[in-house]
C-alpha atoms as a PDB file:
ATOM      1  CA  MET A   1     116.042  34.134 163.534  1.00  0.00           C
ATOM      2  CA  THR A   2     116.330  33.072 159.879  1.00  0.00           C
ATOM      3  CA  VAL A   3     117.793  35.172 157.318  1.00  0.00           C
ATOM      4  CA  LYS A   4     116.126  34.764 153.930  1.00  0.00           C
ATOM      5  CA  LEU A   5     118.467  35.041 150.824  1.00  0.00           C
ATOM      6  CA  PHE A   6     115.993  35.648 148.024  1.00  0.00           C
ATOM      7  CA  VAL A   7     117.065  34.639 144.612  1.00  0.00           C
ATOM      8  CA  CYS A   8     115.322  35.741 141.431  1.00  0.00           C
ATOM      9  CA  THR A   9     114.853  32.586 139.512  1.00  0.00           C
ATOM     10  CA  THR A  10     113.445  34.277 136.484  1.00  0.00           C
ATOM     11  CA  CYS A  11     116.398  36.747 135.940  1.00  0.00           C
ATOM     12  CA  ARG A  12     117.678  36.479 132.423  1.00  0.00           C
ATOM     13  CA  ALA A  13     120.622  38.740 133.022  1.00  0.00           C
ATOM     14  CA  GLY A  14     120.206  40.000 129.429  1.00  0.00           C
ATOM     15  CA  GLU A  15     120.761  36.526 127.802  1.00  0.00           C
ATOM     16  CA  THR A  16     118.602  35.144 125.095  1.00  0.00           C
ATOM     17  CA  LEU A  17     117.571  31.752 126.222  1.00  0.00           C
ATOM     18  CA  GLN A  18     117.191  28.624 123.985  1.00  0.00           C
ATOM     19  CA  ASP A  19     114.053  26.301 124.462  1.00  0.00           C
ATOM     20  CA  GLY A  20     114.349  24.467 127.833  1.00  0.00           C
ATOM     21  CA  GLU A  21     117.537  26.496 128.878  1.00  0.00           C
ATOM     22  CA  LEU A  22     117.608  27.532 132.539  1.00  0.00           C
ATOM     23  CA  PRO A  23     117.620  31.414 133.102  1.00  0.00           C
ATOM     24  CA  PRO A  24     120.820  32.561 134.877  1.00  0.00           C
ATOM     25  CA  GLY A  25     118.779  33.343 137.905  1.00  0.00           C
ATOM     26  CA  ALA A  26     117.534  29.822 138.223  1.00  0.00           C
ATOM     27  CA  ARG A  27     121.329  28.643 137.678  1.00  0.00           C
ATOM     28  CA  LEU A  28     122.371  30.907 140.381  1.00  0.00           C
ATOM     29  CA  HIS A  29     119.664  29.592 142.797  1.00  0.00           C
ATOM     30  CA  ALA A  30     120.634  26.026 142.111  1.00  0.00           C
ATOM     31  CA  ALA A  31     124.470  26.727 142.711  1.00  0.00           C
ATOM     32  CA  LEU A  32     123.680  28.558 145.948  1.00  0.00           C
ATOM     33  CA  VAL A  33     121.387  25.628 147.306  1.00  0.00           C
ATOM     34  CA  ALA A  34     124.217  23.224 146.418  1.00  0.00           C
ATOM     35  CA  GLY A  35     126.704  25.385 148.213  1.00  0.00           C
ATOM     36  CA  ASP A  36     127.793  25.546 151.938  1.00  0.00           C
ATOM     37  CA  VAL A  37     124.831  27.648 153.047  1.00  0.00           C
ATOM     38  CA  PRO A  38     125.322  29.257 156.364  1.00  0.00           C
ATOM     39  CA  GLU A  39     123.505  28.366 159.589  1.00  0.00           C
ATOM     40  CA  GLY A  40     120.508  30.516 159.862  1.00  0.00           C
ATOM     41  CA  VAL A  41     120.019  31.215 156.248  1.00  0.00           C
ATOM     42  CA  SER A  42     117.395  30.137 154.009  1.00  0.00           C
ATOM     43  CA  VAL A  43     117.837  30.184 150.314  1.00  0.00           C
ATOM     44  CA  THR A  44     114.481  31.051 148.966  1.00  0.00           C
ATOM     45  CA  PRO A  45     113.488  31.149 145.137  1.00  0.00           C
ATOM     46  CA  VAL A  46     111.421  34.010 144.077  1.00  0.00           C
ATOM     47  CA  GLU A  47     109.890  34.742 140.490  1.00  0.00           C
ATOM     48  CA  CYS A  48     110.956  38.358 140.275  1.00  0.00           C
ATOM     49  CA  LEU A  49     112.882  40.948 142.151  1.00  0.00           C
ATOM     50  CA  SER A  50     112.179  43.646 139.524  1.00  0.00           C
ATOM     51  CA  ALA A  51     115.775  44.274 139.141  1.00  0.00           C
ATOM     52  CA  CYS A  52     115.804  42.985 135.540  1.00  0.00           C
ATOM     53  CA  GLY A  53     118.281  45.638 134.231  1.00  0.00           C
ATOM     54  CA  ASN A  54     120.637  44.338 136.928  1.00  0.00           C
ATOM     55  CA  GLY A  55     120.114  40.544 136.902  1.00  0.00           C
ATOM     56  CA  SER A  56     120.824  38.128 138.356  1.00  0.00           C
ATOM     57  CA  ALA A  57     119.484  39.713 141.411  1.00  0.00           C
ATOM     58  CA  ILE A  58     119.370  38.679 145.008  1.00  0.00           C
ATOM     59  CA  ALA A  59     118.039  40.019 148.323  1.00  0.00           C
ATOM     60  CA  LEU A  60     118.974  39.495 152.015  1.00  0.00           C
ATOM     61  CA  SER A  61     116.474  40.054 154.596  1.00  0.00           C
ATOM     62  CA  ALA A  62     115.347  39.265 158.131  1.00  0.00           C
ATOM     63  CA  SER A  63     112.865  40.673 160.544  1.00  0.00           C
ATOM     64  CA  GLY A  64     114.000  43.893 162.210  1.00  0.00           C
ATOM     65  CA  ARG A  65     116.886  44.292 159.812  1.00  0.00           C
ATOM     66  CA  TRP A  66     117.807  46.232 156.891  1.00  0.00           C
ATOM     67  CA  THR A  67     117.221  44.594 153.642  1.00  0.00           C
ATOM     68  CA  TYR A  68     119.683  44.587 150.781  1.00  0.00           C
ATOM     69  CA  VAL A  69     119.330  43.952 147.130  1.00  0.00           C
ATOM     70  CA  TYR A  70     122.365  43.038 144.991  1.00  0.00           C
ATOM     71  CA  GLY A  71     122.545  42.438 141.180  1.00  0.00           C
ATOM     72  CA  ARG A  72     124.915  41.513 138.348  1.00  0.00           C
ATOM     73  CA  LEU A  73     125.633  38.116 139.967  1.00  0.00           C
ATOM     74  CA  ASP A  74     126.495  34.730 138.505  1.00  0.00           C
ATOM     75  CA  THR A  75     127.378  31.430 139.789  1.00  0.00           C
ATOM     76  CA  ASP A  76     131.232  32.475 140.086  1.00  0.00           C
ATOM     77  CA  HIS A  77     129.931  34.632 143.005  1.00  0.00           C
ATOM     78  CA  VAL A  78     128.411  31.862 145.082  1.00  0.00           C
ATOM     79  CA  PRO A  79     131.144  31.661 147.616  1.00  0.00           C
ATOM     80  CA  ASP A  80     131.052  35.549 147.934  1.00  0.00           C
ATOM     81  CA  ILE A  81     127.229  35.582 148.286  1.00  0.00           C
ATOM     82  CA  LEU A  82     127.356  32.835 150.899  1.00  0.00           C
ATOM     83  CA  ALA A  83     130.143  34.811 152.780  1.00  0.00           C
ATOM     84  CA  GLY A  84     128.090  37.911 152.675  1.00  0.00           C
ATOM     85  CA  ALA A  85     124.886  36.318 153.744  1.00  0.00           C
ATOM     86  CA  ALA A  86     126.910  34.629 156.867  1.00  0.00           C
ATOM     87  CA  ALA A  87     128.094  38.081 157.813  1.00  0.00           C
ATOM     88  CA  TYR A  88     124.594  39.413 157.371  1.00  0.00           C
ATOM     89  CA  ALA A  89     123.195  36.761 159.535  1.00  0.00           C
ATOM     90  CA  ALA A  90     125.813  37.500 162.217  1.00  0.00           C
ATOM     91  CA  SER A  91     124.897  41.054 162.322  1.00  0.00           C
ATOM     92  CA  ALA A  92     122.423  42.525 164.772  1.00  0.00           C
ATOM     93  CA  ASP A  93     120.777  45.033 162.244  1.00  0.00           C
ATOM     94  CA  GLY A  94     121.665  43.680 158.806  1.00  0.00           C
ATOM     95  CA  ILE A  95     124.296  46.370 158.459  1.00  0.00           C
ATOM     96  CA  VAL A  96     127.712  44.515 157.958  1.00  0.00           C
ATOM     97  CA  PRO A  97     130.746  47.098 158.182  1.00  0.00           C
ATOM     98  CA  TRP A  98     132.082  48.058 154.675  1.00  0.00           C
ATOM     99  CA  ARG A  99     135.348  46.421 155.035  1.00  0.00           C
ATOM    100  CA  GLU A 100     133.818  43.139 156.096  1.00  0.00           C
ATOM    101  CA  ARG A 101     131.655  42.921 153.045  1.00  0.00           C
ATOM    102  CA  PRO A 102     132.570  40.642 149.930  1.00  0.00           C
ATOM    103  CA  GLN A 103     133.798  42.918 147.037  1.00  0.00           C
ATOM    104  CA  ILE A 104     130.448  42.204 145.207  1.00  0.00           C
ATOM    105  CA  PHE A 105     128.475  43.431 148.135  1.00  0.00           C
ATOM    106  CA  ARG A 106     130.193  46.610 147.940  1.00  0.00           C
ATOM    107  CA  LYS A 107     130.118  47.366 144.316  1.00  0.00           C
ATOM    108  CA  GLN A 108     126.847  45.698 143.182  1.00  0.00           C
ATOM    109  CA  SER A 109     124.204  46.906 145.709  1.00  0.00           C
ATOM    110  CA  ILE A 110     121.016  47.937 143.988  1.00  0.00           C
ATOM    111  CA  ALA A 111     119.203  49.030 147.224  1.00  0.00           C
ATOM    112  CA  ARG A 112     119.071  49.147 150.952  1.00  0.00           C
ATOM    113  CA  ILE A 113     115.552  49.113 152.490  1.00  0.00           C
ATOM    114  CA  PRO A 114     114.892  50.025 156.214  1.00  0.00           C
ATOM    115  CA  PRO A 115     113.433  47.403 158.442  1.00  0.00           C
ATOM    116  CA  LEU A 116     109.755  47.473 158.865  1.00  0.00           C
ATOM    117  CA  GLU A 117     109.892  47.125 162.811  1.00  0.00           C
ATOM    118  CA  ARG A 118     112.689  47.557 165.263  1.00  0.00           C
END
């Protein structure tokens, strides 16, 4: 089963951008793709996660699992995001025990959405 790690590439994270400058969300996406992406995880760009007040934002989702949305992330968080994605992929239902989650996943959660099917 493939886990989707959605990354909002339009997130500006409150920054005013100069002409041609990549938004922080696009920079985060590029850094994640360049990182050591766990097996079974697909890094997928999306244009908006509607978490603008909490940008840069990501979401972890898979069929039959809880979906999580996280915000206030940047390229410094890439190792923790990928570790969290690996833990999510290894879980049966998307719920990673609290103590096993990276710190940013404990503190920067925006939403937890139940699975559509079980």
